[in-house]
Amino acid sequence: MLQIVRIPALSDNYIWLVHDPASGETIVVDPAVADPVLAEADERGWAITAIWNTHWHPDHTGGNAGIKARTGAEVIAPAAEAAKIPTADRLVREGDEARIGDHVAQVLEVPAHTAGHIAYHFAGDAVVFVGDTLFAMGCGRLFEGTAEQMFANMRRLAQLPPETRVYCAHEYTQSNGRYALVAEPDNAAIRARMAEVNAARAAGEATVPTTIGQELATNPFLRASSAAQLAERRAAKDAF
């Protein structure tokens, strides 16, 4: 089984350190910075073999060069954003595979937050790394794409098994949940979840990963019935 470690960075980023005990391989997903990742790997005795980027934003790629220089790790990145990720060694697109030991991730193209955003889905492990596409009770801002694209992403992710663990890259849950209560004021599942989220944050605890099942019950973007409704909700959240 993959071992997945959360590394907080910057103000609200999460970097994911993923280790396969069988092969001894370790990957880093979306390293905002290098130093805490290298320190965590050193403390655990793990050798970093690869870096996986979901999109080009600096708070997801800023650690690439430092980690690569120290470890020689291969950088895997979205092909559509090659020009913006100069540290990339291997470019991947829809249908490609990325591996850690015997664990295979399918590359999913999920554009909208950025034009070439991808996700990595380990179907055999019921794990998906989604970057800034799907958040706990939220979705990414539409910086380089459309509501239609994000709605298609939401429909696609909603089809994953409900037990799938969703590893997003930011601690946005409390803010997202406050808006979710406004978007769906009669949703008892959101109210119950927010009580848990508020307690966790008050205790200084993280609220992710989440699961597809939790999001189907409480995420107003994953639950949007149309691209138009998602667009309305995204605009409202942007101004919230």
C-alpha atoms as a PDB file:
ATOM      1  CA  MET A   1       0.000   0.000   0.000  1.00  0.00           C
ATOM      2  CA  LEU A   2       1.208   3.489  -0.814  1.00  0.00           C
ATOM      3  CA  GLN A   3       2.258   5.647   2.119  1.00  0.00           C
ATOM      4  CA  ILE A   4       1.131   9.254   1.614  1.00  0.00           C
ATOM      5  CA  VAL A   5       2.469  12.070   3.782  1.00  0.00           C
ATOM      6  CA  ARG A   6       1.098  15.612   3.905  1.00  0.00           C
ATOM      7  CA  ILE A   7       3.665  18.432   3.983  1.00  0.00           C
ATOM      8  CA  PRO A   8       2.255  21.916   4.688  1.00  0.00           C
ATOM      9  CA  ALA A   9       3.913  24.756   2.775  1.00  0.00           C
ATOM     10  CA  LEU A  10       3.491  28.483   2.208  1.00  0.00           C
ATOM     11  CA  SER A  11       0.249  29.776   3.705  1.00  0.00           C
ATOM     12  CA  ASP A  12      -2.156  26.984   2.783  1.00  0.00           C
ATOM     13  CA  ASN A  13      -0.497  24.587   0.312  1.00  0.00           C
ATOM     14  CA  TYR A  14      -0.150  20.860   0.791  1.00  0.00           C
ATOM     15  CA  ILE A  15       2.662  18.951  -0.880  1.00  0.00           C
ATOM     16  CA  TRP A  16       2.191  15.189  -1.026  1.00  0.00           C
ATOM     17  CA  LEU A  17       5.081  12.794  -0.465  1.00  0.00           C
ATOM     18  CA  VAL A  18       4.169   9.322  -1.757  1.00  0.00           C
ATOM     19  CA  HIS A  19       6.235   6.239  -0.907  1.00  0.00           C
ATOM     20  CA  ASP A  20       5.996   2.664  -2.168  1.00  0.00           C
ATOM     21  CA  PRO A  21       7.602   0.373   0.434  1.00  0.00           C
ATOM     22  CA  ALA A  22       7.835  -2.534  -2.008  1.00  0.00           C
ATOM     23  CA  SER A  23      10.011  -0.740  -4.546  1.00  0.00           C
ATOM     24  CA  GLY A  24      11.501   1.895  -2.280  1.00  0.00           C
ATOM     25  CA  GLU A  25      10.445   4.596  -4.734  1.00  0.00           C
ATOM     26  CA  THR A  26       9.170   7.969  -3.531  1.00  0.00           C
ATOM     27  CA  ILE A  27       7.429  10.706  -5.516  1.00  0.00           C
ATOM     28  CA  VAL A  28       6.547  14.284  -4.682  1.00  0.00           C
ATOM     29  CA  VAL A  29       3.271  15.735  -5.963  1.00  0.00           C
ATOM     30  CA  ASP A  30       3.171  19.497  -6.590  1.00  0.00           C
ATOM     31  CA  PRO A  31       6.155  20.720  -4.565  1.00  0.00           C
ATOM     32  CA  ALA A  32       5.638  24.395  -3.805  1.00  0.00           C
ATOM     33  CA  VAL A  33       9.070  24.540  -2.185  1.00  0.00           C
ATOM     34  CA  ALA A  34      11.961  22.127  -1.830  1.00  0.00           C
ATOM     35  CA  ASP A  35      13.392  22.332   1.693  1.00  0.00           C
ATOM     36  CA  PRO A  36      10.563  20.829   3.782  1.00  0.00           C
ATOM     37  CA  VAL A  37      10.139  18.029   1.242  1.00  0.00           C
ATOM     38  CA  LEU A  38      13.818  17.134   1.330  1.00  0.00           C
ATOM     39  CA  ALA A  39      13.814  17.303   5.131  1.00  0.00           C
ATOM     40  CA  GLU A  40      10.786  15.023   5.431  1.00  0.00           C
ATOM     41  CA  ALA A  41      12.229  12.493   2.991  1.00  0.00           C
ATOM     42  CA  ASP A  42      15.590  12.527   4.790  1.00  0.00           C
ATOM     43  CA  GLU A  43      13.931  12.018   8.166  1.00  0.00           C
ATOM     44  CA  ARG A  44      12.061   8.994   6.852  1.00  0.00           C
ATOM     45  CA  GLY A  45      15.008   7.594   4.940  1.00  0.00           C
ATOM     46  CA  TRP A  46      13.128   7.820   1.650  1.00  0.00           C
ATOM     47  CA  ALA A  47      14.917   8.509  -1.644  1.00  0.00           C
ATOM     48  CA  ILE A  48      12.904  10.807  -3.902  1.00  0.00           C
ATOM     49  CA  THR A  49      12.811   9.363  -7.416  1.00  0.00           C
ATOM     50  CA  ALA A  50      10.255  11.559  -9.196  1.00  0.00           C
ATOM     51  CA  ILE A  51       8.237  14.772  -9.035  1.00  0.00           C
ATOM     52  CA  TRP A  52       4.711  14.886 -10.455  1.00  0.00           C
ATOM     53  CA  ASN A  53       3.185  18.244 -11.337  1.00  0.00           C
ATOM     54  CA  THR A  54      -0.530  18.784 -11.961  1.00  0.00           C
ATOM     55  CA  HIS A  55      -0.128  22.279 -13.436  1.00  0.00           C
ATOM     56  CA  TRP A  56       2.357  25.088 -13.913  1.00  0.00           C
ATOM     57  CA  HIS A  57       1.523  27.519 -11.111  1.00  0.00           C
ATOM     58  CA  PRO A  58       4.632  28.399  -9.047  1.00  0.00           C
ATOM     59  CA  ASP A  59       3.061  27.178  -5.806  1.00  0.00           C
ATOM     60  CA  HIS A  60       2.982  23.710  -7.407  1.00  0.00           C
ATOM     61  CA  THR A  61       6.317  23.716  -9.235  1.00  0.00           C
ATOM     62  CA  GLY A  62       8.501  26.057  -7.183  1.00  0.00           C
ATOM     63  CA  GLY A  63      10.330  23.173  -5.526  1.00  0.00           C
ATOM     64  CA  ASN A  64      11.062  21.276  -8.733  1.00  0.00           C
ATOM     65  CA  ALA A  65      14.534  22.637  -9.389  1.00  0.00           C
ATOM     66  CA  GLY A  66      15.777  22.317  -5.816  1.00  0.00           C
ATOM     67  CA  ILE A  67      14.529  18.752  -5.379  1.00  0.00           C
ATOM     68  CA  LYS A  68      15.801  17.743  -8.811  1.00  0.00           C
ATOM     69  CA  ALA A  69      19.250  19.214  -8.125  1.00  0.00           C
ATOM     70  CA  ARG A  70      19.544  17.364  -4.839  1.00  0.00           C
ATOM     71  CA  THR A  71      18.051  13.998  -5.833  1.00  0.00           C
ATOM     72  CA  GLY A  72      18.170  13.710  -9.621  1.00  0.00           C
ATOM     73  CA  ALA A  73      14.400  13.091  -9.567  1.00  0.00           C
ATOM     74  CA  GLU A  74      12.557  12.877 -12.884  1.00  0.00           C
ATOM     75  CA  VAL A  75       9.966  15.635 -13.288  1.00  0.00           C
ATOM     76  CA  ILE A  76       6.688  14.535 -14.880  1.00  0.00           C
ATOM     77  CA  ALA A  77       4.436  17.377 -16.004  1.00  0.00           C
ATOM     78  CA  PRO A  78       1.449  18.151 -18.255  1.00  0.00           C
ATOM     79  CA  ALA A  79       2.412  18.226 -21.925  1.00  0.00           C
ATOM     80  CA  ALA A  80       0.123  21.193 -22.615  1.00  0.00           C
ATOM     81  CA  GLU A  81       2.096  23.313 -20.130  1.00  0.00           C
ATOM     82  CA  ALA A  82       5.615  22.300 -21.165  1.00  0.00           C
ATOM     83  CA  ALA A  83       6.644  25.878 -21.944  1.00  0.00           C
ATOM     84  CA  LYS A  84       5.772  26.961 -18.412  1.00  0.00           C
ATOM     85  CA  ILE A  85       7.535  24.078 -16.615  1.00  0.00           C
ATOM     86  CA  PRO A  86      11.145  24.199 -17.842  1.00  0.00           C
ATOM     87  CA  THR A  87      12.273  21.604 -15.282  1.00  0.00           C
ATOM     88  CA  ALA A  88      10.080  18.907 -16.895  1.00  0.00           C
ATOM     89  CA  ASP A  89      11.754  15.710 -18.093  1.00  0.00           C
ATOM     90  CA  ARG A  90       8.704  13.746 -19.193  1.00  0.00           C
ATOM     91  CA  LEU A  91       5.520  15.273 -20.559  1.00  0.00           C
ATOM     92  CA  VAL A  92       2.236  13.423 -20.156  1.00  0.00           C
ATOM     93  CA  ARG A  93      -1.260  13.826 -21.495  1.00  0.00           C
ATOM     94  CA  GLU A  94      -4.682  12.143 -21.361  1.00  0.00           C
ATOM     95  CA  GLY A  95      -4.386   8.358 -21.261  1.00  0.00           C
ATOM     96  CA  ASP A  96      -0.695   8.250 -20.368  1.00  0.00           C
ATOM     97  CA  GLU A  97       0.504   6.405 -17.294  1.00  0.00           C
ATOM     98  CA  ALA A  98       2.790   7.373 -14.460  1.00  0.00           C
ATOM     99  CA  ARG A  99       4.142   4.736 -12.119  1.00  0.00           C
ATOM    100  CA  ILE A 100       5.593   4.327  -8.669  1.00  0.00           C
ATOM    101  CA  GLY A 101       6.722   0.748  -8.276  1.00  0.00           C
ATOM    102  CA  ASP A 102       3.837  -1.480  -9.356  1.00  0.00           C
ATOM    103  CA  HIS A 103       1.256   1.256  -8.694  1.00  0.00           C
ATOM    104  CA  VAL A 104      -0.067   2.766 -11.905  1.00  0.00           C
ATOM    105  CA  ALA A 105      -1.711   6.182 -12.236  1.00  0.00           C
ATOM    106  CA  GLN A 106      -3.731   7.188 -15.264  1.00  0.00           C
ATOM    107  CA  VAL A 107      -3.279  10.773 -16.412  1.00  0.00           C
ATOM    108  CA  LEU A 108      -6.581  12.672 -16.699  1.00  0.00           C
ATOM    109  CA  GLU A 109      -6.742  16.004 -18.480  1.00  0.00           C
ATOM    110  CA  VAL A 110      -8.876  18.357 -16.378  1.00  0.00           C
ATOM    111  CA  PRO A 111      -8.407  21.851 -17.833  1.00  0.00           C
ATOM    112  CA  ALA A 112     -10.101  24.985 -16.467  1.00  0.00           C
ATOM    113  CA  HIS A 113      -8.035  26.217 -13.521  1.00  0.00           C
ATOM    114  CA  THR A 114      -5.161  26.222 -16.000  1.00  0.00           C
ATOM    115  CA  ALA A 115      -5.327  25.323 -19.676  1.00  0.00           C
ATOM    116  CA  GLY A 116      -3.327  22.119 -19.335  1.00  0.00           C
ATOM    117  CA  HIS A 117      -4.148  20.951 -15.798  1.00  0.00           C
ATOM    118  CA  ILE A 118      -3.974  17.189 -15.226  1.00  0.00           C
ATOM    119  CA  ALA A 119      -4.817  14.773 -12.418  1.00  0.00           C
ATOM    120  CA  TYR A 120      -3.236  11.428 -11.524  1.00  0.00           C
ATOM    121  CA  HIS A 121      -5.666   8.600 -10.744  1.00  0.00           C
ATOM    122  CA  PHE A 122      -4.478   5.409  -9.058  1.00  0.00           C
ATOM    123  CA  ALA A 123      -7.537   3.260  -9.712  1.00  0.00           C
ATOM    124  CA  GLY A 124      -6.001   0.242  -7.985  1.00  0.00           C
ATOM    125  CA  ASP A 125      -5.330   2.258  -4.839  1.00  0.00           C
ATOM    126  CA  ALA A 126      -8.542   4.333  -4.922  1.00  0.00           C
ATOM    127  CA  VAL A 127      -6.464   7.536  -4.855  1.00  0.00           C
ATOM    128  CA  VAL A 128      -6.523  10.639  -7.058  1.00  0.00           C
ATOM    129  CA  PHE A 129      -4.232  13.661  -6.948  1.00  0.00           C
ATOM    130  CA  VAL A 130      -6.257  16.563  -8.310  1.00  0.00           C
ATOM    131  CA  GLY A 131      -4.080  19.639  -7.775  1.00  0.00           C
ATOM    132  CA  ASP A 132      -6.353  22.697  -7.870  1.00  0.00           C
ATOM    133  CA  THR A 133      -9.269  21.189  -9.813  1.00  0.00           C
ATOM    134  CA  LEU A 134     -11.379  19.663  -7.027  1.00  0.00           C
ATOM    135  CA  PHE A 135     -11.178  20.841  -3.433  1.00  0.00           C
ATOM    136  CA  ALA A 136     -12.985  19.727  -0.324  1.00  0.00           C
ATOM    137  CA  MET A 137     -16.381  21.412  -0.841  1.00  0.00           C
ATOM    138  CA  GLY A 138     -14.952  23.505  -3.673  1.00  0.00           C
ATOM    139  CA  CYS A 139     -13.305  23.683  -7.091  1.00  0.00           C
ATOM    140  CA  GLY A 140     -10.486  25.718  -8.585  1.00  0.00           C
ATOM    141  CA  ARG A 141     -10.913  29.218  -9.925  1.00  0.00           C
ATOM    142  CA  LEU A 142     -11.385  29.474 -13.672  1.00  0.00           C
ATOM    143  CA  PHE A 143      -8.126  31.245 -14.468  1.00  0.00           C
ATOM    144  CA  GLU A 144      -7.457  29.841 -17.944  1.00  0.00           C
ATOM    145  CA  GLY A 145     -10.580  27.873 -18.817  1.00  0.00           C
ATOM    146  CA  THR A 146     -14.346  27.853 -18.821  1.00  0.00           C
ATOM    147  CA  ALA A 147     -17.202  26.800 -16.609  1.00  0.00           C
ATOM    148  CA  GLU A 148     -18.091  24.221 -19.268  1.00  0.00           C
ATOM    149  CA  GLN A 149     -14.665  22.649 -18.888  1.00  0.00           C
ATOM    150  CA  MET A 150     -14.872  22.642 -15.101  1.00  0.00           C
ATOM    151  CA  PHE A 151     -18.357  21.159 -15.205  1.00  0.00           C
ATOM    152  CA  ALA A 152     -17.014  18.363 -17.425  1.00  0.00           C
ATOM    153  CA  ASN A 153     -14.214  17.814 -14.910  1.00  0.00           C
ATOM    154  CA  MET A 154     -16.708  17.601 -12.065  1.00  0.00           C
ATOM    155  CA  ARG A 155     -18.853  15.092 -13.969  1.00  0.00           C
ATOM    156  CA  ARG A 156     -15.795  12.995 -14.677  1.00  0.00           C
ATOM    157  CA  LEU A 157     -14.503  12.981 -11.129  1.00  0.00           C
ATOM    158  CA  ALA A 158     -17.990  12.265  -9.804  1.00  0.00           C
ATOM    159  CA  GLN A 159     -17.892   8.954 -11.665  1.00  0.00           C
ATOM    160  CA  LEU A 160     -14.930   7.688  -9.643  1.00  0.00           C
ATOM    161  CA  PRO A 161     -15.769   5.183  -6.896  1.00  0.00           C
ATOM    162  CA  PRO A 162     -17.090   6.995  -3.816  1.00  0.00           C
ATOM    163  CA  GLU A 163     -14.334   5.576  -1.609  1.00  0.00           C
ATOM    164  CA  THR A 164     -11.654   7.217  -3.774  1.00  0.00           C
ATOM    165  CA  ARG A 165      -9.436   9.428  -1.613  1.00  0.00           C
ATOM    166  CA  VAL A 166      -8.994  12.891  -3.082  1.00  0.00           C
ATOM    167  CA  TYR A 167      -5.674  14.630  -2.454  1.00  0.00           C
ATOM    168  CA  CYS A 168      -5.973  18.317  -3.310  1.00  0.00           C
ATOM    169  CA  ALA A 169      -3.259  20.903  -2.884  1.00  0.00           C
ATOM    170  CA  HIS A 170      -4.741  23.502  -0.514  1.00  0.00           C
ATOM    171  CA  GLU A 171      -6.389  23.821   2.891  1.00  0.00           C
ATOM    172  CA  TYR A 172      -9.452  25.684   1.639  1.00  0.00           C
ATOM    173  CA  THR A 173     -12.136  23.551   3.268  1.00  0.00           C
ATOM    174  CA  GLN A 174     -13.394  25.983   5.906  1.00  0.00           C
ATOM    175  CA  SER A 175     -13.751  28.848   3.427  1.00  0.00           C
ATOM    176  CA  ASN A 176     -15.353  26.559   0.850  1.00  0.00           C
ATOM    177  CA  GLY A 177     -17.740  25.189   3.429  1.00  0.00           C
ATOM    178  CA  ARG A 178     -18.919  28.629   4.478  1.00  0.00           C
ATOM    179  CA  TYR A 179     -19.911  29.294   0.891  1.00  0.00           C
ATOM    180  CA  ALA A 180     -21.423  25.804   0.517  1.00  0.00           C
ATOM    181  CA  LEU A 181     -23.799  26.604   3.383  1.00  0.00           C
ATOM    182  CA  VAL A 182     -25.023  29.614   1.382  1.00  0.00           C
ATOM    183  CA  ALA A 183     -25.210  27.728  -1.921  1.00  0.00           C
ATOM    184  CA  GLU A 184     -27.203  24.866  -0.385  1.00  0.00           C
ATOM    185  CA  PRO A 185     -28.715  26.133   2.881  1.00  0.00           C
ATOM    186  CA  ASP A 186     -30.979  23.101   3.255  1.00  0.00           C
ATOM    187  CA  ASN A 187     -28.174  20.535   2.910  1.00  0.00           C
ATOM    188  CA  ALA A 188     -27.857  18.864   6.297  1.00  0.00           C
ATOM    189  CA  ALA A 189     -24.725  16.993   5.214  1.00  0.00           C
ATOM    190  CA  ILE A 190     -22.911  20.294   4.680  1.00  0.00           C
ATOM    191  CA  ARG A 191     -23.942  21.554   8.118  1.00  0.00           C
ATOM    192  CA  ALA A 192     -22.724  18.349   9.751  1.00  0.00           C
ATOM    193  CA  ARG A 193     -19.470  18.395   7.860  1.00  0.00           C
ATOM    194  CA  MET A 194     -18.813  22.032   8.710  1.00  0.00           C
ATOM    195  CA  ALA A 195     -19.124  21.252  12.403  1.00  0.00           C
ATOM    196  CA  GLU A 196     -16.359  18.677  11.949  1.00  0.00           C
ATOM    197  CA  VAL A 197     -14.247  21.020   9.815  1.00  0.00           C
ATOM    198  CA  ASN A 198     -14.526  23.879  12.296  1.00  0.00           C
ATOM    199  CA  ALA A 199     -13.498  21.592  15.148  1.00  0.00           C
ATOM    200  CA  ALA A 200     -10.550  20.237  13.166  1.00  0.00           C
ATOM    201  CA  ARG A 201      -9.293  23.673  12.187  1.00  0.00           C
ATOM    202  CA  ALA A 202      -9.686  24.982  15.735  1.00  0.00           C
ATOM    203  CA  ALA A 203      -7.431  22.118  16.805  1.00  0.00           C
ATOM    204  CA  GLY A 204      -4.917  22.922  14.066  1.00  0.00           C
ATOM    205  CA  GLU A 205      -5.715  19.751  12.140  1.00  0.00           C
ATOM    206  CA  ALA A 206      -5.891  19.281   8.363  1.00  0.00           C
ATOM    207  CA  THR A 207      -9.209  18.552   6.632  1.00  0.00           C
ATOM    208  CA  VAL A 208      -7.885  16.732   3.568  1.00  0.00           C
ATOM    209  CA  PRO A 209      -7.730  14.253   1.972  1.00  0.00           C
ATOM    210  CA  THR A 210     -11.418  13.983   1.323  1.00  0.00           C
ATOM    211  CA  THR A 211     -13.320  11.326  -0.629  1.00  0.00           C
ATOM    212  CA  ILE A 212     -15.465  11.410  -3.726  1.00  0.00           C
ATOM    213  CA  GLY A 213     -18.361  10.196  -1.579  1.00  0.00           C
ATOM    214  CA  GLN A 214     -18.014  13.125   0.826  1.00  0.00           C
ATOM    215  CA  GLU A 215     -17.862  15.551  -2.070  1.00  0.00           C
ATOM    216  CA  LEU A 216     -20.924  14.092  -3.769  1.00  0.00           C
ATOM    217  CA  ALA A 217     -22.832  14.862  -0.572  1.00  0.00           C
ATOM    218  CA  THR A 218     -21.412  18.290   0.263  1.00  0.00           C
ATOM    219  CA  ASN A 219     -19.610  19.968  -2.646  1.00  0.00           C
ATOM    220  CA  PRO A 220     -21.829  22.511  -4.450  1.00  0.00           C
ATOM    221  CA  PHE A 221     -19.577  22.443  -7.514  1.00  0.00           C
ATOM    222  CA  LEU A 222     -19.486  18.672  -7.861  1.00  0.00           C
ATOM    223  CA  ARG A 223     -23.251  18.729  -7.251  1.00  0.00           C
ATOM    224  CA  ALA A 224     -23.967  21.462  -9.833  1.00  0.00           C
ATOM    225  CA  SER A 225     -26.628  20.340 -12.307  1.00  0.00           C
ATOM    226  CA  SER A 226     -25.253  22.283 -15.279  1.00  0.00           C
ATOM    227  CA  ALA A 227     -22.313  24.350 -16.463  1.00  0.00           C
ATOM    228  CA  ALA A 228     -24.476  27.441 -16.024  1.00  0.00           C
ATOM    229  CA  GLN A 229     -25.131  26.623 -12.376  1.00  0.00           C
ATOM    230  CA  LEU A 230     -21.453  25.913 -11.793  1.00  0.00           C
ATOM    231  CA  ALA A 231     -20.582  29.251 -13.390  1.00  0.00           C
ATOM    232  CA  GLU A 232     -23.058  31.049 -11.134  1.00  0.00           C
ATOM    233  CA  ARG A 233     -21.676  29.325  -8.061  1.00  0.00           C
ATOM    234  CA  ARG A 234     -18.054  29.968  -9.052  1.00  0.00           C
ATOM    235  CA  ALA A 235     -18.741  33.673  -9.597  1.00  0.00           C
ATOM    236  CA  ALA A 236     -20.560  33.865  -6.272  1.00  0.00           C
ATOM    237  CA  LYS A 237     -17.703  32.097  -4.468  1.00  0.00           C
ATOM    238  CA  ASP A 238     -15.153  34.415  -6.088  1.00  0.00           C
ATOM    239  CA  ALA A 239     -17.010  37.380  -4.595  1.00  0.00           C
ATOM    240  CA  PHE A 240     -17.882  35.650  -1.297  1.00  0.00           C
END
